[in-house]
């Protein structure tokens, strides 16, 4: 299964993987060695915590390596979707009720961050937008009830 990621999202995962392999792994090994030097491992909370951290780090490394080996990296700048909203597109919207304007980029689940206006391709708003064009009005089922947005512009940046 190819997980879609934007070029930026793939770079973030690569950076995290590098950090885990070069720094975190070394820190965990040092922490385990330090805890071992304190003697009896059966009642050594430091040792247990370090081993737990090691399991987390190794699990995250395996998860990132798997995602990066099976992901499909999409560079929005190379897209030619003829104005259609597609994965990695940046979309300017206007809430028809409030008149408020918002901009979202549709990204993979691992890179979604609402504070940075990056919404997951699986989110209700992204699902409503995919396949639509500037000028279209979409209805999104929000927690507060249905909302209508007009698509003002679709960009591939």
C-alpha atoms as a PDB file:
ATOM      1  CA  UNK A   1       0.000   0.000   0.000  1.00  0.00           C
ATOM      2  CA  UNK A   2       1.562   3.288  -1.094  1.00  0.00           C
ATOM      3  CA  UNK A   3       1.015   5.960   1.521  1.00  0.00           C
ATOM      4  CA  UNK A   4       0.986   9.396  -0.099  1.00  0.00           C
ATOM      5  CA  UNK A   5       3.313  11.999   1.389  1.00  0.00           C
ATOM      6  CA  UNK A   6       4.210  15.446   0.188  1.00  0.00           C
ATOM      7  CA  UNK A   7       7.878  16.063  -0.556  1.00  0.00           C
ATOM      8  CA  UNK A   8       8.057  18.213   2.602  1.00  0.00           C
ATOM      9  CA  UNK A   9       6.412  15.494   4.719  1.00  0.00           C
ATOM     10  CA  UNK A  10       8.855  12.856   3.467  1.00  0.00           C
ATOM     11  CA  UNK A  11      11.778  15.132   4.374  1.00  0.00           C
ATOM     12  CA  UNK A  12      10.406  15.558   7.909  1.00  0.00           C
ATOM     13  CA  UNK A  13      10.160  11.776   8.350  1.00  0.00           C
ATOM     14  CA  UNK A  14      13.716  11.330   7.014  1.00  0.00           C
ATOM     15  CA  UNK A  15      14.994  13.936   9.496  1.00  0.00           C
ATOM     16  CA  UNK A  16      13.218  12.202  12.383  1.00  0.00           C
ATOM     17  CA  UNK A  17      14.639   8.826  11.304  1.00  0.00           C
ATOM     18  CA  UNK A  18      18.154  10.283  11.118  1.00  0.00           C
ATOM     19  CA  UNK A  19      17.750  11.828  14.595  1.00  0.00           C
ATOM     20  CA  UNK A  20      16.544   8.529  16.069  1.00  0.00           C
ATOM     21  CA  UNK A  21      19.353   6.507  14.497  1.00  0.00           C
ATOM     22  CA  UNK A  22      22.214   8.894  15.231  1.00  0.00           C
ATOM     23  CA  UNK A  23      21.306  10.498  18.561  1.00  0.00           C
ATOM     24  CA  UNK A  24      18.407   8.766  20.322  1.00  0.00           C
ATOM     25  CA  UNK A  25      19.730   5.247  19.797  1.00  0.00           C
ATOM     26  CA  UNK A  26      23.116   6.279  21.273  1.00  0.00           C
ATOM     27  CA  UNK A  27      21.424   8.028  24.239  1.00  0.00           C
ATOM     28  CA  UNK A  28      19.363   4.928  25.025  1.00  0.00           C
ATOM     29  CA  UNK A  29      22.400   2.638  24.869  1.00  0.00           C
ATOM     30  CA  UNK A  30      24.257   4.987  27.235  1.00  0.00           C
ATOM     31  CA  UNK A  31      21.264   5.086  29.623  1.00  0.00           C
ATOM     32  CA  UNK A  32      21.062   1.274  29.683  1.00  0.00           C
ATOM     33  CA  UNK A  33      24.806   1.002  30.382  1.00  0.00           C
ATOM     34  CA  UNK A  34      24.516   3.590  33.167  1.00  0.00           C
ATOM     35  CA  UNK A  35      21.561   1.767  34.754  1.00  0.00           C
ATOM     36  CA  UNK A  36      23.366  -1.593  34.516  1.00  0.00           C
ATOM     37  CA  UNK A  37      26.300  -0.134  36.415  1.00  0.00           C
ATOM     38  CA  UNK A  38      23.999   0.420  39.403  1.00  0.00           C
ATOM     39  CA  UNK A  39      23.777  -3.323  40.052  1.00  0.00           C
ATOM     40  CA  UNK A  40      20.646  -5.447  40.601  1.00  0.00           C
ATOM     41  CA  UNK A  41      18.490  -5.150  37.457  1.00  0.00           C
ATOM     42  CA  UNK A  42      15.390  -6.792  38.999  1.00  0.00           C
ATOM     43  CA  UNK A  43      14.486  -3.666  41.002  1.00  0.00           C
ATOM     44  CA  UNK A  44      16.149  -1.036  38.848  1.00  0.00           C
ATOM     45  CA  UNK A  45      13.591   1.509  37.637  1.00  0.00           C
ATOM     46  CA  UNK A  46      16.210   3.380  35.565  1.00  0.00           C
ATOM     47  CA  UNK A  47      17.028   0.184  33.687  1.00  0.00           C
ATOM     48  CA  UNK A  48      13.343  -0.578  33.067  1.00  0.00           C
ATOM     49  CA  UNK A  49      12.726   2.968  31.815  1.00  0.00           C
ATOM     50  CA  UNK A  50      15.771   2.838  29.525  1.00  0.00           C
ATOM     51  CA  UNK A  51      14.697  -0.530  28.085  1.00  0.00           C
ATOM     52  CA  UNK A  52      11.178   0.838  27.537  1.00  0.00           C
ATOM     53  CA  UNK A  53      12.626   3.868  25.748  1.00  0.00           C
ATOM     54  CA  UNK A  54      14.796   1.557  23.644  1.00  0.00           C
ATOM     55  CA  UNK A  55      11.721  -0.444  22.583  1.00  0.00           C
ATOM     56  CA  UNK A  56       9.940   2.792  21.632  1.00  0.00           C
ATOM     57  CA  UNK A  57      12.914   4.145  19.641  1.00  0.00           C
ATOM     58  CA  UNK A  58      13.488   0.872  17.777  1.00  0.00           C
ATOM     59  CA  UNK A  59       9.751   0.573  17.049  1.00  0.00           C
ATOM     60  CA  UNK A  60       9.597   4.121  15.699  1.00  0.00           C
ATOM     61  CA  UNK A  61      12.707   3.516  13.546  1.00  0.00           C
ATOM     62  CA  UNK A  62      11.075   0.402  12.051  1.00  0.00           C
ATOM     63  CA  UNK A  63       7.802   2.304  11.485  1.00  0.00           C
ATOM     64  CA  UNK A  64       9.547   5.217   9.737  1.00  0.00           C
ATOM     65  CA  UNK A  65      11.707   2.932   7.574  1.00  0.00           C
ATOM     66  CA  UNK A  66       8.591   1.035   6.515  1.00  0.00           C
ATOM     67  CA  UNK A  67       6.636   4.220   5.718  1.00  0.00           C
ATOM     68  CA  UNK A  68       9.511   5.733   3.757  1.00  0.00           C
ATOM     69  CA  UNK A  69      10.086   2.537   1.771  1.00  0.00           C
ATOM     70  CA  UNK A  70       6.429   2.242   0.737  1.00  0.00           C
ATOM     71  CA  UNK A  71       5.379   5.883   0.474  1.00  0.00           C
ATOM     72  CA  UNK A  72       4.595   7.699  -2.722  1.00  0.00           C
ATOM     73  CA  UNK A  73       6.246  11.121  -2.537  1.00  0.00           C
ATOM     74  CA  UNK A  74       4.304  13.830  -4.318  1.00  0.00           C
ATOM     75  CA  UNK A  75       5.838  17.202  -5.094  1.00  0.00           C
ATOM     76  CA  UNK A  76       2.950  19.670  -5.412  1.00  0.00           C
ATOM     77  CA  UNK A  77       5.026  21.883  -7.732  1.00  0.00           C
ATOM     78  CA  UNK A  78       5.063  19.119 -10.370  1.00  0.00           C
ATOM     79  CA  UNK A  79       1.314  18.479 -10.304  1.00  0.00           C
ATOM     80  CA  UNK A  80      -0.815  19.330 -13.299  1.00  0.00           C
ATOM     81  CA  UNK A  81      -4.337  18.567 -12.161  1.00  0.00           C
ATOM     82  CA  UNK A  82      -5.884  21.288 -14.336  1.00  0.00           C
ATOM     83  CA  UNK A  83      -7.268  23.221 -11.382  1.00  0.00           C
ATOM     84  CA  UNK A  84      -8.777  20.212  -9.611  1.00  0.00           C
ATOM     85  CA  UNK A  85      -8.291  19.709  -5.874  1.00  0.00           C
ATOM     86  CA  UNK A  86      -5.966  16.718  -5.472  1.00  0.00           C
ATOM     87  CA  UNK A  87      -3.581  15.379  -2.829  1.00  0.00           C
ATOM     88  CA  UNK A  88      -0.883  17.989  -1.978  1.00  0.00           C
ATOM     89  CA  UNK A  89      -2.923  20.882  -3.422  1.00  0.00           C
ATOM     90  CA  UNK A  90      -3.288  24.093  -1.428  1.00  0.00           C
ATOM     91  CA  UNK A  91      -6.876  25.331  -1.380  1.00  0.00           C
ATOM     92  CA  UNK A  92      -8.209  28.793  -0.489  1.00  0.00           C
ATOM     93  CA  UNK A  93     -11.752  28.614   0.905  1.00  0.00           C
ATOM     94  CA  UNK A  94     -14.419  30.978   2.136  1.00  0.00           C
ATOM     95  CA  UNK A  95     -16.899  29.920   4.796  1.00  0.00           C
ATOM     96  CA  UNK A  96     -20.198  31.014   3.204  1.00  0.00           C
ATOM     97  CA  UNK A  97     -21.884  31.600   6.564  1.00  0.00           C
ATOM     98  CA  UNK A  98     -19.190  33.669   8.313  1.00  0.00           C
ATOM     99  CA  UNK A  99     -17.283  35.001   5.290  1.00  0.00           C
ATOM    100  CA  UNK A 100     -14.051  33.835   6.955  1.00  0.00           C
ATOM    101  CA  UNK A 101     -11.302  32.811   4.547  1.00  0.00           C
ATOM    102  CA  UNK A 102      -9.000  29.852   5.250  1.00  0.00           C
ATOM    103  CA  UNK A 103      -6.255  28.061   3.368  1.00  0.00           C
ATOM    104  CA  UNK A 104      -5.520  24.340   3.699  1.00  0.00           C
ATOM    105  CA  UNK A 105      -3.022  22.008   2.115  1.00  0.00           C
ATOM    106  CA  UNK A 106      -4.165  18.414   1.724  1.00  0.00           C
ATOM    107  CA  UNK A 107      -1.428  16.128   3.067  1.00  0.00           C
ATOM    108  CA  UNK A 108      -0.824  12.583   4.311  1.00  0.00           C
ATOM    109  CA  UNK A 109      -1.964  11.480   7.757  1.00  0.00           C
ATOM    110  CA  UNK A 110       1.590  11.628   9.166  1.00  0.00           C
ATOM    111  CA  UNK A 111       2.073  15.272   8.238  1.00  0.00           C
ATOM    112  CA  UNK A 112      -1.355  16.680   9.115  1.00  0.00           C
ATOM    113  CA  UNK A 113      -1.088  19.668  11.465  1.00  0.00           C
ATOM    114  CA  UNK A 114      -4.100  21.939  11.765  1.00  0.00           C
ATOM    115  CA  UNK A 115      -1.954  24.713  13.335  1.00  0.00           C
ATOM    116  CA  UNK A 116      -0.026  24.837  10.050  1.00  0.00           C
ATOM    117  CA  UNK A 117      -3.250  24.507   7.977  1.00  0.00           C
ATOM    118  CA  UNK A 118      -2.268  21.021   6.774  1.00  0.00           C
ATOM    119  CA  UNK A 119      -5.264  18.687   6.771  1.00  0.00           C
ATOM    120  CA  UNK A 120      -5.161  14.931   6.353  1.00  0.00           C
ATOM    121  CA  UNK A 121      -6.406  13.534   3.059  1.00  0.00           C
ATOM    122  CA  UNK A 122      -8.754  11.377   5.199  1.00  0.00           C
ATOM    123  CA  UNK A 123     -10.329  14.358   7.023  1.00  0.00           C
ATOM    124  CA  UNK A 124     -13.940  15.352   6.274  1.00  0.00           C
ATOM    125  CA  UNK A 125     -12.874  18.679   4.724  1.00  0.00           C
ATOM    126  CA  UNK A 126     -10.293  17.052   2.417  1.00  0.00           C
ATOM    127  CA  UNK A 127     -12.732  14.342   1.351  1.00  0.00           C
ATOM    128  CA  UNK A 128     -15.282  17.038   0.472  1.00  0.00           C
ATOM    129  CA  UNK A 129     -12.710  19.029  -1.538  1.00  0.00           C
ATOM    130  CA  UNK A 130     -10.993  16.269  -3.558  1.00  0.00           C
ATOM    131  CA  UNK A 131     -11.994  16.409  -7.216  1.00  0.00           C
ATOM    132  CA  UNK A 132     -13.602  19.853  -7.005  1.00  0.00           C
ATOM    133  CA  UNK A 133     -12.583  23.102  -8.752  1.00  0.00           C
ATOM    134  CA  UNK A 134     -12.344  26.815  -7.892  1.00  0.00           C
ATOM    135  CA  UNK A 135     -15.873  28.238  -7.840  1.00  0.00           C
ATOM    136  CA  UNK A 136     -17.422  24.999  -6.518  1.00  0.00           C
ATOM    137  CA  UNK A 137     -19.287  25.029  -3.206  1.00  0.00           C
ATOM    138  CA  UNK A 138     -18.740  22.059  -0.894  1.00  0.00           C
ATOM    139  CA  UNK A 139     -20.599  20.992   2.212  1.00  0.00           C
ATOM    140  CA  UNK A 140     -18.495  19.652   5.074  1.00  0.00           C
ATOM    141  CA  UNK A 141     -19.878  17.780   8.061  1.00  0.00           C
ATOM    142  CA  UNK A 142     -18.202  19.632  10.933  1.00  0.00           C
ATOM    143  CA  UNK A 143     -18.657  18.764  14.629  1.00  0.00           C
ATOM    144  CA  UNK A 144     -20.853  21.880  14.944  1.00  0.00           C
ATOM    145  CA  UNK A 145     -23.002  20.767  11.995  1.00  0.00           C
ATOM    146  CA  UNK A 146     -22.805  21.110   8.212  1.00  0.00           C
ATOM    147  CA  UNK A 147     -20.775  24.029   6.833  1.00  0.00           C
ATOM    148  CA  UNK A 148     -20.555  25.315   3.290  1.00  0.00           C
ATOM    149  CA  UNK A 149     -17.344  26.547   1.734  1.00  0.00           C
ATOM    150  CA  UNK A 150     -16.686  28.090  -1.649  1.00  0.00           C
ATOM    151  CA  UNK A 151     -13.382  27.099  -3.227  1.00  0.00           C
ATOM    152  CA  UNK A 152     -11.710  30.388  -4.166  1.00  0.00           C
ATOM    153  CA  UNK A 153      -8.437  29.066  -5.585  1.00  0.00           C
ATOM    154  CA  UNK A 154      -6.541  25.802  -6.030  1.00  0.00           C
ATOM    155  CA  UNK A 155      -2.757  26.022  -6.068  1.00  0.00           C
ATOM    156  CA  UNK A 156       0.039  23.466  -6.448  1.00  0.00           C
ATOM    157  CA  UNK A 157       2.922  24.947  -4.422  1.00  0.00           C
END
